[in-house]
Each structure stands twice: as structure tokens, then as C-alpha cells.
């Protein structure tokens, strides 16, 4: 099935409703370290024009602004942008937050010296269009830096579990493909010269696997929305499935959860 036969507009409308359900920021705040590491790997400089794509509550945008870059965050979930604005105010850093679509960004060509995304742009349903937009808004000679969950990671396995309960729309490729070099090469081709590929681990730390399942069902918008559609019996099973994913990756035996989740961190230079 080609991209021209997929109703991406309707898919994105449903996605936006998902991200505006629950309170993703309660999950997103815990991932701040990924943004800090990505900004360092991209070697951000003071005064650079930096864009955080699918920014959520602004993890990477705020990290860049704390390094005196001119930071902008883009997302299509108004509730997440509002939290980002409040966070930036508390941190006392100037960040511009823009309501917009990662597949159709409201910026002129070559607007940014560095375009970042931490587990954000990977959820755009039209992978190629999102990649094309990343290239377009990044100046020639500028950098694109991404942190994306890998297919075999704990989060990749969680996505597969969720898909059993809510199969993705036909024609939409899995978001975790962004966590593979092969897919990035397919999307960006010769337009981007990748200068670093690094497999990293983010470690989920919760009271227990069950606590992880509860937290994601309550706050992780798409999962919260799915959970709200299930019968009591199915919800119990779904809750157990999520806890089992966490348990499978748990590396401690003291009753708490310490579960590493692999992600791919890449930095590239836009050639053309």
C-alpha cells in the first residue's frame, strides 16, 4: 500500500486526540536525560537556531535553551505545549513553542542550524514526509539529531503488545523502525551524512512492574485512551500484559523495577 492510499490526516487527528488524553508529561518528564544526552551529542552551540520536533513538554528545547541556543519547540498537542511554556518560565529560559505538524512544519526552508527529536518524530505516521520536513527546515551544513526507541527494546516490545489490542491503521509503518540505521538510510538517503550512531539505554525505574503498567495506563495518552475502551476483563488482561513486558526486562529482584530500554541516538549533517 502506498502513502497516497493512506488517510494520514485522519490518522493524525486520532493520534492528536490520543496524546491529549491522560497526561503524557508525567511520563515525558522522566525522559529528560535522553534530551540532555542528545543535545550534548549534537554539540549544540550558544546562539544556534535549534528546533525540537514533536517536542511534547519541551525536553530537548529546554535543554538547548539552557545552553543559550535560540530554541523552538513544535508539537500538535496544545496541552503538552502549555506545560512546556510553564517549564521554560520556571527554568527562566526563552523557548518559543509552536503548534504544528511534524509532517508540515510552519517554517521556511533552512530555518534551523540543528533539528532535534527525542522519541517524538518517530510517531509521525508518514515517515517519509516527516523525514523530508526535517531535512527541509534544517540549513545545509546544519545537523539533525534523533533519539528513537529500537524495535527490540522494552518500549518496542510494549508497542507490539499495544498493537495486539489496538492494531495500527493499515499502511502505517511501526514507529520503532526509526530506531534502525537501515530505515534512517531509506528515509534520508544521501541528503544527510550520519556522523554518529550510538546505542544507548534509558532505564525505567518504578516501584514495580505493576506500577509501570498503572503509570502508563493512567498518563501515557495513547495507552490511556485505549484502556478507556476496554471491558473490565480485558483491562485486567491488558494491564497484566504491560506489566509482563516490564517484568521481562527487569534486571533486579528486590520487587522494584529497573528495566533498561534501548534506543538509537544519531547525529547527521545535512548535505543538500
Protein backbone atom coordinates (compact mmCIF):
# COMPACT_ATOMS: atom_id res chain seq x y z
CA UNK A 1 0.00 0.00 0.00
CA UNK A 2 1.47 3.37 -0.97
CA UNK A 3 1.36 6.51 1.12
CA UNK A 4 -1.12 8.05 -1.33
CA UNK A 5 -3.76 5.49 -0.31
CA UNK A 6 -3.40 6.06 3.44
CA UNK A 7 -5.59 8.69 5.10
CA UNK A 8 -2.81 10.29 7.12
CA UNK A 9 -4.95 13.30 8.05
CA UNK A 10 -7.48 11.11 9.85
CA UNK A 11 -4.72 9.07 11.48
CA UNK A 12 -3.06 12.22 12.81
CA UNK A 13 -6.36 13.53 14.11
CA UNK A 14 -6.77 10.33 16.12
CA UNK A 15 -3.15 10.48 17.27
CA UNK A 16 -3.56 14.05 18.46
CA UNK A 17 -6.62 13.03 20.49
CA UNK A 18 -4.52 10.24 21.99
CA UNK A 19 -1.66 12.50 23.05
CA UNK A 20 -4.14 14.96 24.54
CA UNK A 21 -5.64 12.17 26.67
CA UNK A 22 -4.18 11.38 30.08
CA UNK A 23 -1.11 13.46 30.90
CA UNK A 24 1.89 12.39 28.84
CA UNK A 25 4.06 14.95 30.61
CA UNK A 26 4.08 12.68 33.68
CA UNK A 27 5.94 10.15 31.53
CA UNK A 28 7.85 12.64 29.40
CA UNK A 29 9.46 14.39 32.37
CA UNK A 30 11.17 11.13 33.33
CA UNK A 31 12.89 11.01 29.91
CA UNK A 32 14.70 14.35 30.29
CA UNK A 33 18.10 12.67 30.46
CA UNK A 34 17.66 11.44 26.87
CA UNK A 35 17.29 15.02 25.66
CA UNK A 36 20.29 16.20 27.66
CA UNK A 37 22.46 13.46 26.15
CA UNK A 38 21.18 14.17 22.63
CA UNK A 39 21.91 17.89 22.89
CA UNK A 40 25.42 17.10 24.07
CA UNK A 41 25.99 14.58 21.28
CA UNK A 42 24.81 17.17 18.73
CA UNK A 43 27.35 19.62 20.21
CA UNK A 44 24.85 22.46 20.39
CA UNK A 45 26.38 25.96 20.44
CA UNK A 46 25.21 29.15 22.09
CA UNK A 47 23.27 31.26 19.62
CA UNK A 48 22.37 28.39 17.31
CA UNK A 49 18.82 28.15 16.00
CA UNK A 50 17.55 24.85 17.40
CA UNK A 51 14.24 23.10 16.69
CA UNK A 52 12.75 20.36 18.89
CA UNK A 53 10.33 18.42 16.64
CA UNK A 54 7.34 16.70 18.26
CA UNK A 55 8.66 18.30 21.40
CA UNK A 56 5.95 17.27 23.86
CA UNK A 57 6.63 19.25 27.01
CA UNK A 58 9.90 20.57 25.55
CA UNK A 59 12.64 18.33 26.90
CA UNK A 60 15.15 18.95 24.09
CA UNK A 61 14.10 22.56 23.51
CA UNK A 62 14.68 23.43 27.16
CA UNK A 63 17.97 21.51 27.20
CA UNK A 64 19.15 23.55 24.20
CA UNK A 65 17.94 26.83 25.70
CA UNK A 66 19.86 26.11 28.90
CA UNK A 67 22.94 26.07 26.67
CA UNK A 68 21.96 29.53 25.31
CA UNK A 69 20.68 28.33 21.96
CA UNK A 70 17.69 30.04 20.33
CA UNK A 71 15.25 27.19 20.92
CA UNK A 72 11.88 26.42 19.34
CA UNK A 73 9.59 23.51 20.20
CA UNK A 74 6.97 22.18 17.77
CA UNK A 75 4.09 19.86 18.63
CA UNK A 76 0.43 19.40 17.72
CA UNK A 77 -0.80 18.67 21.26
CA UNK A 78 -1.79 22.00 22.81
CA UNK A 79 -1.81 20.63 26.36
CA UNK A 80 1.80 19.49 26.08
CA UNK A 81 2.90 22.82 24.63
CA UNK A 82 1.31 24.66 27.54
CA UNK A 83 3.28 22.56 30.01
CA UNK A 84 6.42 23.31 28.00
CA UNK A 85 5.78 27.04 28.28
CA UNK A 86 5.35 26.76 32.04
CA UNK A 87 8.52 24.68 32.37
CA UNK A 88 10.55 27.19 30.35
CA UNK A 89 9.24 30.01 32.54
CA UNK A 90 10.30 28.15 35.69
CA UNK A 91 13.72 27.41 34.19
CA UNK A 92 13.93 31.08 33.17
CA UNK A 93 14.90 30.31 29.58
CA UNK A 94 13.34 31.73 26.41
CA UNK A 95 11.76 28.98 24.30
CA UNK A 96 9.25 29.55 21.51
CA UNK A 97 6.57 26.85 21.45
CA UNK A 98 4.65 26.43 18.19
CA UNK A 99 1.50 24.42 17.48
CA UNK A 100 2.30 22.49 14.32
CA UNK A 101 2.55 19.21 12.45
CA UNK A 102 5.92 17.45 12.10
CA UNK A 103 4.88 16.45 8.57
CA UNK A 104 4.08 20.03 7.54
CA UNK A 105 6.16 22.39 9.64
CA UNK A 106 5.32 26.12 9.55
CA UNK A 107 8.90 27.26 8.98
CA UNK A 108 10.79 28.45 5.88
CA UNK A 109 13.46 26.27 4.30
CA UNK A 110 16.74 26.18 6.20
CA UNK A 111 15.37 27.90 9.30
CA UNK A 112 17.44 25.96 11.84
CA UNK A 113 21.07 25.07 12.49
CA UNK A 114 20.06 21.98 14.45
CA UNK A 115 16.84 19.94 14.36
CA UNK A 116 16.30 17.52 17.25
CA UNK A 117 13.73 14.96 18.26
CA UNK A 118 13.68 12.69 21.30
CA UNK A 119 11.21 9.83 20.80
CA UNK A 120 8.86 12.28 19.09
CA UNK A 121 9.06 12.50 15.31
CA UNK A 122 9.18 8.70 15.17
CA UNK A 123 5.43 8.69 15.83
CA UNK A 124 4.57 10.71 12.72
CA UNK A 125 2.51 8.27 10.62
CA UNK A 126 4.06 9.29 7.28
CA UNK A 127 7.70 8.53 7.95
CA UNK A 128 8.99 9.82 4.63
CA UNK A 129 7.13 13.11 4.85
CA UNK A 130 8.41 13.70 8.38
CA UNK A 131 11.99 12.99 7.28
CA UNK A 132 11.62 15.29 4.29
CA UNK A 133 10.43 18.08 6.57
CA UNK A 134 13.36 17.58 8.94
CA UNK A 135 15.72 17.99 6.01
CA UNK A 136 13.84 20.97 4.59
CA UNK A 137 13.84 23.10 7.74
CA UNK A 138 17.50 22.34 8.54
CA UNK A 139 20.09 24.58 6.92
CA UNK A 140 22.63 22.99 4.57
CA UNK A 141 25.59 22.14 6.79
CA UNK A 142 23.33 22.04 9.84
CA UNK A 143 22.66 18.96 11.94
CA UNK A 144 19.79 16.57 12.50
CA UNK A 145 19.90 14.60 15.77
CA UNK A 146 17.43 11.91 16.80
CA UNK A 147 16.82 9.56 19.72
CA UNK A 148 14.40 6.75 18.83
CA UNK A 149 13.38 3.52 20.56
CA UNK A 150 14.64 0.40 18.78
CA UNK A 151 12.29 -2.40 17.68
CA UNK A 152 13.80 -4.94 20.07
CA UNK A 153 13.84 -2.62 23.09
CA UNK A 154 11.49 -2.82 26.03
CA UNK A 155 9.48 0.05 24.55
CA UNK A 156 9.49 -1.63 21.14
CA UNK A 157 8.03 -4.72 22.79
CA UNK A 158 5.48 -2.57 24.59
CA UNK A 159 4.39 -1.14 21.21
CA UNK A 160 3.87 -4.68 19.92
CA UNK A 161 1.79 -5.53 22.97
CA UNK A 162 -0.37 -2.44 22.48
CA UNK A 163 -0.77 -3.31 18.78
CA UNK A 164 -2.32 -6.66 19.73
CA UNK A 165 -5.11 -4.77 21.47
CA UNK A 166 -5.34 -1.88 19.01
CA UNK A 167 -3.88 -2.79 15.61
CA UNK A 168 -2.34 0.21 13.83
CA UNK A 169 -4.05 1.61 10.71
CA UNK A 170 -3.28 -0.28 7.53
CA UNK A 171 -0.29 1.13 5.70
CA UNK A 172 1.32 2.83 8.70
CA UNK A 173 4.78 1.54 9.47
CA UNK A 174 5.88 0.87 13.08
CA UNK A 175 7.42 3.92 14.78
CA UNK A 176 10.31 1.87 16.17
CA UNK A 177 11.70 1.49 12.64
CA UNK A 178 13.21 4.94 13.25
CA UNK A 179 15.46 3.16 15.72
CA UNK A 180 17.29 1.30 12.92
CA UNK A 181 20.09 2.55 10.69
CA UNK A 182 18.54 0.85 7.67
CA UNK A 183 15.30 2.80 7.99
CA UNK A 184 17.08 6.11 8.50
CA UNK A 185 19.18 5.46 5.41
CA UNK A 186 15.99 4.73 3.48
CA UNK A 187 14.28 7.90 4.69
CA UNK A 188 17.15 10.38 4.38
CA UNK A 189 19.33 8.87 1.66
CA UNK A 190 22.30 10.97 0.58
CA UNK A 191 20.78 14.17 1.94
CA UNK A 192 22.18 13.52 5.42
CA UNK A 193 25.65 12.28 6.31
CA UNK A 194 25.36 10.44 9.60
CA UNK A 195 28.43 11.20 11.72
CA UNK A 196 27.50 9.16 14.78
CA UNK A 197 25.35 6.14 15.62
CA UNK A 198 25.13 5.12 19.26
CA UNK A 199 23.01 2.52 21.00
CA UNK A 200 22.06 3.86 24.42
CA UNK A 201 19.82 2.65 27.22
CA UNK A 202 17.25 4.58 29.15
CA UNK A 203 16.44 2.84 32.43
CA UNK A 204 12.82 2.79 33.59
CA UNK A 205 12.69 2.91 37.39
CA UNK A 206 9.31 2.27 39.02
CA UNK A 207 8.07 0.76 42.27
CA UNK A 208 7.23 -2.48 40.45
CA UNK A 209 6.25 -3.81 37.02
CA UNK A 210 2.64 -3.30 38.07
CA UNK A 211 3.37 0.33 38.95
CA UNK A 212 4.87 0.81 35.48
CA UNK A 213 1.72 -0.64 33.91
CA UNK A 214 -0.51 1.58 36.06
CA UNK A 215 1.51 4.74 35.30
CA UNK A 216 1.39 4.21 31.57
CA UNK A 217 -2.31 3.34 31.58
CA UNK A 218 -3.08 6.49 33.54
CA UNK A 219 -0.77 9.01 31.87
CA UNK A 220 0.61 7.80 28.50
CA UNK A 221 -2.08 9.29 26.27
CA UNK A 222 -2.49 6.65 23.54
CA UNK A 223 -2.43 3.84 26.10
CA UNK A 224 -4.77 5.78 28.39
CA UNK A 225 -7.20 6.20 25.51
CA UNK A 226 -7.02 2.50 24.61
CA UNK A 227 -7.51 1.43 28.23
CA UNK A 228 -10.66 3.52 28.39
CA UNK A 229 -12.24 1.45 25.61
CA UNK A 230 -11.69 -1.96 27.23
CA UNK A 231 -14.08 -4.04 29.28
CA UNK A 232 -13.14 -4.73 32.88
CA UNK A 233 -11.97 -8.23 31.98
CA UNK A 234 -9.92 -7.04 29.00
CA UNK A 235 -8.46 -4.17 31.00
CA UNK A 236 -7.20 -6.60 33.62
CA UNK A 237 -5.57 -8.68 30.88
CA UNK A 238 -4.09 -5.62 29.16
CA UNK A 239 -2.73 -4.33 32.48
CA UNK A 240 -1.08 -7.68 33.06
CA UNK A 241 0.39 -7.70 29.55
CA UNK A 242 2.07 -4.33 30.11
CA UNK A 243 3.41 -5.43 33.48
CA UNK A 244 4.77 -8.61 31.88
CA UNK A 245 6.74 -6.59 29.32
CA UNK A 246 8.34 -4.62 32.15
CA UNK A 247 8.98 -7.75 34.20
CA UNK A 248 10.69 -9.44 31.27
CA UNK A 249 13.23 -6.60 31.08
CA UNK A 250 13.65 -6.10 34.83
CA UNK A 251 17.22 -6.57 35.99
CA UNK A 252 16.64 -6.54 39.75
CA UNK A 253 14.91 -8.95 42.12
CA UNK A 254 14.06 -6.69 45.05
CA UNK A 255 10.47 -6.11 43.94
CA UNK A 256 11.14 -2.78 42.24
CA UNK A 257 11.53 -2.18 38.52
CA UNK A 258 14.89 -1.28 36.98
CA UNK A 259 14.40 -2.01 33.30
CA UNK A 260 16.76 -0.81 30.55
CA UNK A 261 15.23 0.22 27.23
CA UNK A 262 17.50 0.51 24.21
CA UNK A 263 17.30 3.47 21.87
CA UNK A 264 19.29 4.64 18.88
CA UNK A 265 20.90 8.07 19.08
CA UNK A 266 22.10 9.52 15.76
CA UNK A 267 23.61 12.78 14.62
CA UNK A 268 23.94 13.76 10.99
CA UNK A 269 24.86 16.73 8.81
CA UNK A 270 22.52 17.94 6.09
CA UNK A 271 24.35 17.76 2.79
CA UNK A 272 21.73 19.09 0.38
